[in-house]
Amino acid sequence: MKKFKSFIVHRSSLEKMPVIELKIPNLGESISSVTFSKWLKPDGSIVALDEPLCEIETEKANQELSADSAGKLTWVAKEGEDLPVGALFAKIDTKALASIAAGEAGNTSTSNSAVLPTATANYATGVPSPAAAKILAEGNVPPTSVSGTGRDGRITKDDAVKAVDSSDGQKVEAVGSSTSQAAPSTVNSQSSTGNSFSRTERREKMSRMRRTIAKRLVSAKNNTAMLTTFNEVDMSAVIALREKYQEAFVKKYGIKLGFMSIFAKACAKALLEMPEVNASLDGDEIIYHDYADISIAISTPTGLVVPPIRNVERLNFAEFELKVKDLSGKARDGKLSLEEMTGGTFTITNGGVFGSLMSTPIINEPQSAILGMHAIKDRPIAVDREMKIRPMMYLALSYDHRIIDGSTSVTFLVKVKNLIEDPTSLLLDL
């Protein structure tokens, strides 16, 4: 998850601007609005310079906005709210620190018998460490209810653990008391009616990413002449190749040789030989690419993302696998940058990892074709007029018929099939 400065403020102007307004920054030409996901700091809390304040959701990734100055935070935006770029989402009172310090000094001077504070209040007072913040968030305990014992009053990991444990104990006691009172009527109700199932419903707003995915899928269905052609591929040779060289591959490169890299290299070779499949439409013009930037579909908790791996034709198998691993990790952690999400001339999606036997994938606009991989199943096939049991996979190529003719799509898919069934020709670039 990438952090962004929300509003640039020069230190020399802080005295002239005791209250700083934080606004949604410009995150790219294609992004005009964002969804305000959640606050990371409580309303009215003291925040430090560059401390993460909130998360926002764009069409492509989640990102953090940080504080431009130390001071007292005042919420303006609400969680789940859609905001345009440049909209005000928070304010920071930079004079609040001086007020707190002055208040502490006055309290200590009014009584000689008063206990002196262990530290002067500053931006760290009441602020949890990163580890403590995570523990408090998971335990649904607000930092404002926790007393920090760390330096300058910072909330430590131990403080957070104790606060969460204490909160859980109170919840268990409360639940136990209410359950004991409600249990008899609940049991009687179920036993008398015989209905132990629920018919409750809940309504949730679609995330911005899910809305964007829906809009683009509908656009692809409505605005392209999409067709799908199928074939099947015998995976025996590829499986034997992986079994023979997997141990040596891992020992040399530190990563496993997967099916995706082999299919991507086969597609890259076929794409450069058949530029129509690697092209895209722009109005009345066709844009041809002399490189293969292959987008890989990655499933994340918030939706499907398709970051491209650039110049696949120049990468070896290990380089491709390492890039897939890096992008997959970033995608699942919500840390993909906008640049990493942009581009691509062709897409590969593997529904087989979820058990899909056959599907018709939807084109990833403005690309003109997408390859769908599926589950590998042992099936009887005819080999040299004899029945054999082989590990088979169905392949699906969805394409835009405005650019790609039926014969071209079938020829492309057969080329990929032949390269997979004879990986030696792929390695020798034949």
Protein backbone atom coordinates (compact mmCIF):
# COMPACT_ATOMS: atom_id res chain seq x y z
CA MET A 1 0.00 0.00 0.00
CA LYS A 2 1.59 3.23 -1.18
CA LYS A 3 1.60 6.32 1.05
CA PHE A 4 0.85 9.77 -0.36
CA LYS A 5 1.33 13.23 1.05
CA SER A 6 -2.13 14.71 0.99
CA PHE A 7 -1.20 18.39 0.76
CA ILE A 8 2.23 20.09 0.53
CA VAL A 9 2.88 22.64 3.29
CA HIS A 10 6.08 24.63 3.81
CA ARG A 11 7.29 24.75 7.41
CA SER A 12 7.76 28.52 7.21
CA SER A 13 4.05 28.93 6.62
CA LEU A 14 2.87 26.89 9.63
CA GLU A 15 2.63 29.98 11.83
CA LYS A 16 0.41 31.64 9.22
CA MET A 17 -1.65 28.44 8.89
CA PRO A 18 -2.31 27.13 12.43
CA VAL A 19 -5.01 24.83 10.99
CA ILE A 20 -3.90 22.82 7.96
CA GLU A 21 -6.51 21.51 5.54
CA LEU A 22 -5.79 18.08 4.10
CA LYS A 23 -7.19 17.33 0.66
CA ILE A 24 -7.38 14.30 -1.64
CA PRO A 25 -4.27 14.47 -3.85
CA ASN A 26 -4.09 14.00 -7.61
CA LEU A 27 -3.29 10.29 -8.03
CA GLY A 28 -3.19 10.11 -11.81
CA GLU A 29 -4.85 11.36 -14.96
CA SER A 30 -7.44 8.58 -15.03
CA ILE A 31 -8.52 9.01 -11.39
CA SER A 32 -11.05 11.77 -10.70
CA SER A 33 -12.56 10.44 -7.47
CA VAL A 34 -11.81 8.00 -4.65
CA THR A 35 -13.66 6.10 -1.95
CA PHE A 36 -12.69 7.03 1.62
CA SER A 37 -12.13 3.53 3.06
CA LYS A 38 -11.31 4.01 6.74
CA TRP A 39 -9.62 6.19 9.32
CA LEU A 40 -6.39 4.93 10.87
CA LYS A 41 -6.33 7.61 13.60
CA PRO A 42 -9.22 8.57 15.95
CA ASP A 43 -10.95 11.92 15.65
CA GLY A 44 -9.30 14.44 17.97
CA SER A 45 -6.10 12.42 18.41
CA ILE A 46 -2.61 13.90 18.33
CA VAL A 47 -0.75 12.83 15.17
CA ALA A 48 2.88 13.04 14.13
CA LEU A 49 4.39 14.35 10.93
CA ASP A 50 4.13 11.79 8.10
CA GLU A 51 2.00 9.47 10.25
CA PRO A 52 -0.62 7.49 8.23
CA LEU A 53 -4.07 8.97 8.81
CA CYS A 54 -6.43 7.05 6.55
CA GLU A 55 -6.88 4.69 3.64
CA ILE A 56 -8.51 5.57 0.34
CA GLU A 57 -9.60 3.23 -2.42
CA THR A 58 -9.08 4.03 -6.08
CA GLU A 59 -10.16 2.09 -9.14
CA LYS A 60 -6.92 0.14 -9.05
CA ALA A 61 -5.50 -0.06 -5.52
CA ASN A 62 -5.80 1.05 -1.90
CA GLN A 63 -3.47 3.81 -0.71
CA GLU A 64 -2.63 5.63 2.52
CA LEU A 65 -2.66 9.38 3.10
CA SER A 66 -0.31 10.76 5.76
CA ALA A 67 -0.15 13.83 7.97
CA ASP A 68 1.61 16.93 6.67
CA SER A 69 2.30 18.23 10.17
CA ALA A 70 2.09 17.24 13.83
CA GLY A 71 -1.03 18.40 15.62
CA LYS A 72 -4.60 17.57 16.55
CA LEU A 73 -6.58 15.68 13.91
CA THR A 74 -10.18 16.62 13.08
CA TRP A 75 -12.17 14.35 10.82
CA VAL A 76 -14.09 15.84 7.90
CA ALA A 77 -14.72 12.88 5.58
CA LYS A 78 -16.78 9.83 6.52
CA GLU A 79 -15.81 6.22 5.96
CA GLY A 80 -17.36 4.81 2.78
CA GLU A 81 -17.85 8.28 1.27
CA ASP A 82 -16.96 8.97 -2.38
CA LEU A 83 -14.79 12.09 -2.72
CA PRO A 84 -13.49 13.94 -5.78
CA VAL A 85 -9.80 14.77 -6.14
CA GLY A 86 -9.09 17.97 -4.20
CA ALA A 87 -11.88 17.43 -1.65
CA LEU A 88 -11.22 18.26 2.00
CA PHE A 89 -11.03 15.16 4.19
CA ALA A 90 -9.36 16.35 7.43
CA LYS A 91 -7.85 19.26 9.35
CA ILE A 92 -4.80 19.39 11.62
CA ASP A 93 -4.52 22.02 14.37
CA THR A 94 -0.78 22.68 14.69
CA LYS A 95 -1.24 24.87 17.80
CA ALA A 96 -2.81 22.03 19.78
CA LEU A 97 0.60 20.72 20.87
CA ALA A 98 1.52 24.04 22.46
CA SER A 99 -1.86 24.17 24.23
CA ILE A 100 -1.42 20.68 25.65
CA ALA A 101 2.09 21.46 26.84
CA ALA A 102 0.91 24.71 28.47
CA GLY A 103 -1.96 22.90 30.17
CA GLU A 104 0.35 20.27 31.61
CA ALA A 105 2.70 22.97 32.93
CA GLY A 106 -0.21 24.80 34.63
CA ASN A 107 -1.45 21.65 36.33
CA THR A 108 1.95 20.85 37.83
CA SER A 109 2.43 24.37 39.21
CA THR A 110 -0.95 24.68 40.99
CA SER A 111 -0.18 22.09 43.63
CA ASN A 112 3.12 21.14 45.23
CA SER A 113 1.66 17.81 46.24
CA ALA A 114 0.70 16.88 42.67
CA VAL A 115 2.58 14.02 41.05
CA LEU A 116 4.88 15.20 38.27
CA PRO A 117 4.17 13.68 34.85
CA THR A 118 6.76 11.20 33.60
CA ALA A 119 7.02 12.94 30.24
CA THR A 120 5.93 16.15 28.58
CA ALA A 121 3.01 15.73 26.22
CA ASN A 122 4.07 15.90 22.59
CA TYR A 123 3.17 14.38 19.26
CA ALA A 124 3.98 10.87 20.58
CA THR A 125 1.59 11.09 23.54
CA GLY A 126 -1.24 8.60 23.09
CA VAL A 127 0.10 7.48 19.72
CA PRO A 128 0.50 3.69 19.29
CA SER A 129 3.58 2.15 17.75
CA PRO A 130 2.96 0.36 14.41
CA ALA A 131 2.78 -3.04 16.15
CA ALA A 132 0.49 -1.65 18.84
CA ALA A 133 -1.75 0.03 16.28
CA LYS A 134 -2.24 -3.28 14.48
CA ILE A 135 -3.10 -5.11 17.72
CA LEU A 136 -5.59 -2.42 18.75
CA ALA A 137 -7.22 -2.38 15.32
CA GLU A 138 -7.64 -6.17 15.31
CA GLY A 139 -9.10 -6.03 18.83
CA ASN A 140 -11.42 -3.10 17.99
CA VAL A 141 -9.96 -1.08 20.86
CA PRO A 142 -9.64 2.71 20.24
CA PRO A 143 -6.19 4.14 21.08
CA THR A 144 -7.86 6.98 22.99
CA SER A 145 -8.91 4.47 25.68
CA VAL A 146 -5.35 3.23 26.25
CA SER A 147 -2.75 4.88 28.50
CA GLY A 148 0.72 4.73 26.97
CA THR A 149 3.67 3.71 29.14
CA GLY A 150 6.33 4.18 26.49
CA ARG A 151 8.65 7.11 25.96
CA ASP A 152 6.78 10.42 25.82
CA GLY A 153 3.54 8.55 26.52
CA ARG A 154 3.59 6.43 23.36
CA ILE A 155 1.40 3.30 23.43
CA THR A 156 3.63 0.22 23.31
CA LYS A 157 2.89 -3.29 22.11
CA ASP A 158 2.49 -4.48 25.74
CA ASP A 159 0.01 -1.66 26.41
CA ALA A 160 -2.02 -2.76 23.37
CA VAL A 161 -1.99 -6.45 24.36
CA LYS A 162 -3.18 -5.63 27.90
CA ALA A 163 -5.91 -3.33 26.58
CA VAL A 164 -7.20 -5.94 24.12
CA ASP A 165 -7.12 -8.69 26.78
CA SER A 166 -9.04 -6.47 29.17
CA SER A 167 -11.58 -5.59 26.49
CA ASP A 168 -12.08 -9.27 25.56
CA GLY A 169 -12.69 -10.16 29.20
CA GLN A 170 -15.38 -7.52 29.51
CA LYS A 171 -17.02 -8.70 26.28
CA VAL A 172 -17.05 -12.33 27.43
CA GLU A 173 -18.62 -11.38 30.76
CA ALA A 174 -21.26 -9.23 29.05
CA VAL A 175 -22.08 -11.91 26.50
CA GLY A 176 -22.29 -14.57 29.19
CA SER A 177 -24.72 -12.58 31.29
CA SER A 178 -26.98 -11.67 28.38
CA THR A 179 -26.91 -15.22 26.99
CA SER A 180 -27.94 -16.70 30.31
CA GLN A 181 -30.97 -14.44 30.39
CA ALA A 182 -31.98 -14.85 26.77
CA ALA A 183 -31.24 -18.57 26.37
CA PRO A 184 -34.51 -19.97 27.84
CA SER A 185 -36.78 -17.93 25.59
CA THR A 186 -34.58 -18.70 22.54
CA VAL A 187 -34.63 -22.43 23.19
CA ASN A 188 -38.39 -22.45 23.79
CA SER A 189 -38.95 -20.47 20.61
CA GLN A 190 -36.91 -22.87 18.48
CA SER A 191 -38.40 -25.98 20.03
CA SER A 192 -41.96 -24.73 19.61
CA THR A 193 -41.63 -23.60 16.00
CA GLY A 194 -39.01 -26.07 14.81
CA ASN A 195 -37.26 -23.28 12.82
CA SER A 196 -33.55 -22.99 13.57
CA PHE A 197 -32.50 -21.26 10.35
CA SER A 198 -32.01 -17.57 9.63
CA ARG A 199 -33.57 -15.33 7.00
CA THR A 200 -31.63 -12.20 7.82
CA GLU A 201 -30.29 -9.98 5.05
CA ARG A 202 -27.57 -7.38 4.90
CA ARG A 203 -26.76 -4.66 2.40
CA GLU A 204 -23.21 -3.48 1.65
CA LYS A 205 -21.96 -0.85 -0.74
CA MET A 206 -19.82 -2.21 -3.56
CA SER A 207 -16.15 -1.34 -3.24
CA ARG A 208 -14.76 1.06 -5.82
CA MET A 209 -12.62 -1.72 -7.29
CA ARG A 210 -15.64 -4.03 -7.61
CA ARG A 211 -17.64 -1.22 -9.25
CA THR A 212 -14.80 -0.58 -11.70
CA ILE A 213 -14.48 -4.28 -12.51
CA ALA A 214 -18.23 -4.51 -13.14
CA LYS A 215 -18.21 -1.44 -15.38
CA ARG A 216 -15.29 -2.68 -17.47
CA LEU A 217 -16.68 -6.19 -17.87
CA VAL A 218 -20.02 -4.85 -19.06
CA SER A 219 -18.19 -2.45 -21.40
CA ALA A 220 -16.16 -5.32 -22.86
CA LYS A 221 -19.32 -7.37 -23.48
CA ASN A 222 -21.19 -4.44 -25.05
CA ASN A 223 -18.42 -2.76 -27.03
CA THR A 224 -16.52 -5.69 -28.53
CA ALA A 225 -17.48 -8.41 -31.00
CA MET A 226 -16.28 -11.08 -28.58
CA LEU A 227 -16.05 -14.73 -29.56
CA THR A 228 -14.33 -17.68 -27.87
CA THR A 229 -12.53 -20.60 -29.49
CA PHE A 230 -11.47 -23.74 -27.60
CA ASN A 231 -8.82 -26.41 -27.82
CA GLU A 232 -7.23 -28.95 -25.53
CA VAL A 233 -3.59 -29.52 -24.72
CA ASP A 234 -1.73 -32.60 -23.53
CA MET A 235 0.29 -31.50 -20.48
CA SER A 236 2.43 -34.68 -20.29
CA ALA A 237 5.62 -33.12 -21.69
CA VAL A 238 5.40 -29.99 -19.51
CA ILE A 239 4.71 -32.03 -16.36
CA ALA A 240 7.66 -34.32 -17.15
CA LEU A 241 9.88 -31.27 -17.74
CA ARG A 242 8.96 -29.75 -14.38
CA GLU A 243 9.45 -33.02 -12.52
CA LYS A 244 12.88 -33.54 -14.07
CA TYR A 245 14.29 -30.05 -13.55
CA GLN A 246 12.26 -28.60 -10.66
CA GLU A 247 14.83 -29.35 -7.95
CA ALA A 248 17.72 -27.91 -9.97
CA PHE A 249 15.60 -24.90 -10.96
CA VAL A 250 14.73 -24.09 -7.35
CA LYS A 251 18.34 -24.59 -6.25
CA LYS A 252 19.64 -22.14 -8.87
CA TYR A 253 16.89 -19.48 -8.87
CA GLY A 254 15.20 -19.86 -5.49
CA ILE A 255 11.71 -20.19 -6.99
CA LYS A 256 9.63 -22.99 -8.50
CA LEU A 257 9.00 -23.40 -12.21
CA GLY A 258 5.26 -22.98 -12.68
CA PHE A 259 2.87 -23.58 -15.56
CA MET A 260 2.16 -19.85 -15.92
CA SER A 261 5.70 -18.98 -17.05
CA ILE A 262 5.66 -21.73 -19.70
CA PHE A 263 2.29 -20.60 -21.05
CA ALA A 264 3.37 -16.96 -20.97
CA LYS A 265 6.54 -17.67 -22.95
CA ALA A 266 4.54 -19.71 -25.47
CA CYS A 267 2.00 -16.88 -25.82
CA ALA A 268 4.73 -14.26 -26.18
CA LYS A 269 6.32 -16.20 -29.03
CA ALA A 270 2.96 -16.67 -30.79
CA LEU A 271 1.98 -13.02 -30.23
CA LEU A 272 5.07 -11.69 -31.99
CA GLU A 273 4.42 -14.07 -34.89
CA MET A 274 0.77 -13.04 -35.10
CA PRO A 275 0.60 -9.28 -34.33
CA GLU A 276 -3.18 -9.08 -34.84
CA VAL A 277 -3.75 -10.96 -31.58
CA ASN A 278 -1.36 -8.55 -29.84
CA ALA A 279 -3.05 -5.43 -31.22
CA SER A 280 -5.69 -3.03 -29.91
CA LEU A 281 -8.28 -0.69 -31.41
CA ASP A 282 -8.15 3.10 -31.02
CA GLY A 283 -11.09 4.59 -32.86
CA ASP A 284 -10.66 3.69 -36.52
CA GLU A 285 -7.00 2.78 -36.08
CA ILE A 286 -5.31 -0.47 -35.06
CA ILE A 287 -2.29 -0.22 -32.80
CA TYR A 288 0.25 -3.01 -33.28
CA HIS A 289 2.87 -3.76 -30.62
CA ASP A 290 6.30 -5.22 -31.27
CA TYR A 291 6.54 -6.37 -27.66
CA ALA A 292 4.50 -8.71 -25.48
CA ASP A 293 3.30 -7.13 -22.22
CA ILE A 294 1.25 -9.95 -20.74
CA SER A 295 -1.23 -9.18 -17.96
CA ILE A 296 -1.67 -11.89 -15.35
CA ALA A 297 -5.04 -12.20 -13.59
CA ILE A 298 -4.55 -12.27 -9.80
CA SER A 299 -7.36 -12.89 -7.34
CA THR A 300 -7.32 -10.63 -4.25
CA PRO A 301 -9.72 -10.17 -1.32
CA THR A 302 -11.09 -7.00 -2.96
CA GLY A 303 -11.39 -8.30 -6.53
CA LEU A 304 -9.49 -9.41 -9.60
CA VAL A 305 -6.49 -7.37 -10.74
CA VAL A 306 -4.47 -7.83 -13.95
CA PRO A 307 -1.02 -6.21 -13.61
CA PRO A 308 1.13 -6.61 -16.75
CA ILE A 309 4.57 -8.17 -16.94
CA ARG A 310 6.45 -6.20 -19.56
CA ASN A 311 8.55 -7.61 -22.43
CA VAL A 312 7.83 -11.23 -21.61
CA GLU A 313 9.55 -12.20 -24.87
CA ARG A 314 12.89 -11.14 -23.35
CA LEU A 315 12.48 -12.76 -19.93
CA ASN A 316 13.60 -16.26 -19.02
CA PHE A 317 11.37 -18.55 -16.99
CA ALA A 318 12.96 -17.63 -13.63
CA GLU A 319 12.68 -13.88 -14.27
CA PHE A 320 9.02 -14.27 -15.17
CA GLU A 321 8.23 -16.40 -12.09
CA LEU A 322 9.96 -13.89 -9.80
CA LYS A 323 7.94 -11.02 -11.29
CA VAL A 324 4.69 -12.97 -10.85
CA LYS A 325 5.58 -13.68 -7.22
CA ASP A 326 6.37 -10.01 -6.57
CA LEU A 327 3.17 -8.72 -8.21
CA SER A 328 1.00 -11.35 -6.51
CA GLY A 329 2.35 -10.39 -3.08
CA LYS A 330 1.78 -6.69 -3.72
CA ALA A 331 -1.71 -7.32 -5.10
CA ARG A 332 -2.86 -9.31 -2.06
CA ASP A 333 -1.37 -6.70 0.30
CA GLY A 334 -2.95 -3.83 -1.65
CA LYS A 335 0.46 -2.34 -2.48
CA LEU A 336 0.36 -2.29 -6.27
CA SER A 337 1.20 1.13 -7.67
CA LEU A 338 -0.81 2.74 -10.46
CA GLU A 339 2.08 2.23 -12.88
CA GLU A 340 2.19 -1.48 -12.07
CA MET A 341 -1.53 -1.73 -12.89
CA THR A 342 -1.35 0.08 -16.22
CA GLY A 343 -0.76 -1.35 -19.67
CA GLY A 344 -0.68 -4.83 -21.14
CA THR A 345 -1.21 -6.13 -24.69
CA PHE A 346 -2.60 -9.61 -23.86
CA THR A 347 -3.99 -11.34 -20.76
CA ILE A 348 -3.74 -14.84 -19.28
CA THR A 349 -6.15 -16.03 -16.60
CA ASN A 350 -5.95 -19.40 -14.84
CA GLY A 351 -9.31 -20.55 -13.53
CA GLY A 352 -7.84 -24.00 -13.09
CA VAL A 353 -6.38 -23.09 -9.72
CA PHE A 354 -9.98 -22.87 -8.46
CA GLY A 355 -11.04 -26.08 -10.22
CA SER A 356 -12.62 -24.59 -13.35
CA LEU A 357 -12.83 -27.13 -16.18
CA MET A 358 -13.94 -24.73 -18.94
CA SER A 359 -14.95 -21.06 -19.22
CA THR A 360 -15.24 -18.15 -21.64
CA PRO A 361 -13.02 -15.37 -20.24
CA ILE A 362 -13.95 -11.75 -20.98
CA ILE A 363 -11.53 -9.52 -22.87
CA ASN A 364 -9.53 -7.03 -20.83
CA GLU A 365 -10.06 -3.78 -22.77
CA PRO A 366 -8.40 -2.21 -24.70
CA GLN A 367 -6.69 -5.53 -25.40
CA SER A 368 -8.11 -7.77 -28.12
CA ALA A 369 -7.61 -11.26 -26.70
CA ILE A 370 -7.34 -13.24 -23.48
CA LEU A 371 -6.24 -16.84 -22.88
CA GLY A 372 -8.05 -18.94 -20.28
CA MET A 373 -6.22 -21.85 -18.66
CA HIS A 374 -8.18 -24.52 -16.79
CA ALA A 375 -7.82 -27.51 -14.51
CA ILE A 376 -5.62 -30.45 -15.57
CA LYS A 377 -7.65 -33.69 -15.62
CA ASP A 378 -6.66 -37.22 -16.60
CA ARG A 379 -8.76 -38.16 -19.64
CA PRO A 380 -8.67 -40.93 -22.22
CA ILE A 381 -7.47 -39.72 -25.63
CA ALA A 382 -6.42 -41.41 -28.86
CA VAL A 383 -2.63 -41.51 -29.35
CA ASP A 384 -1.33 -43.26 -32.48
CA ARG A 385 -4.69 -45.05 -32.81
CA GLU A 386 -4.41 -46.31 -29.22
CA MET A 387 -6.35 -45.21 -26.15
CA LYS A 388 -4.15 -43.48 -23.57
CA ILE A 389 -4.83 -41.73 -20.26
CA ARG A 390 -3.19 -38.30 -20.39
CA PRO A 391 -3.28 -35.13 -18.22
CA MET A 392 -5.36 -32.79 -20.38
CA MET A 393 -6.26 -29.11 -20.09
CA TYR A 394 -8.91 -27.18 -21.99
CA LEU A 395 -7.73 -23.82 -23.39
CA ALA A 396 -10.07 -20.94 -24.25
CA LEU A 397 -9.16 -17.90 -26.33
CA SER A 398 -11.66 -15.04 -26.23
CA TYR A 399 -10.99 -12.44 -28.92
CA ASP A 400 -12.39 -9.30 -30.52
CA HIS A 401 -13.68 -10.32 -33.95
CA ARG A 402 -13.36 -6.71 -35.16
CA ILE A 403 -9.58 -7.16 -35.28
CA ILE A 404 -8.99 -10.90 -35.16
CA ASP A 405 -10.48 -13.26 -37.74
CA GLY A 406 -11.67 -16.71 -36.76
CA SER A 407 -8.86 -18.41 -38.67
CA THR A 408 -6.29 -16.19 -36.93
CA SER A 409 -7.63 -17.02 -33.47
CA VAL A 410 -7.65 -20.76 -34.16
CA THR A 411 -4.13 -20.64 -35.61
CA PHE A 412 -2.86 -18.72 -32.59
CA LEU A 413 -4.36 -21.20 -30.14
CA VAL A 414 -2.93 -24.15 -32.09
CA LYS A 415 0.52 -22.53 -32.01
CA VAL A 416 0.31 -22.21 -28.22
CA LYS A 417 -0.93 -25.79 -27.94
CA ASN A 418 1.95 -27.14 -30.02
CA LEU A 419 4.56 -25.21 -28.03
CA ILE A 420 3.17 -26.54 -24.75
CA GLU A 421 3.03 -30.12 -26.02
CA ASP A 422 6.61 -29.85 -27.28
CA PRO A 423 8.39 -27.49 -24.85
CA THR A 424 11.76 -28.30 -26.43
CA SER A 425 10.77 -26.28 -29.49
CA LEU A 426 9.89 -23.39 -27.17
CA LEU A 427 13.28 -23.57 -25.46
CA LEU A 428 15.10 -23.76 -28.79
CA ASP A 429 12.95 -20.93 -30.26
CA LEU A 430 11.87 -23.09 -33.21
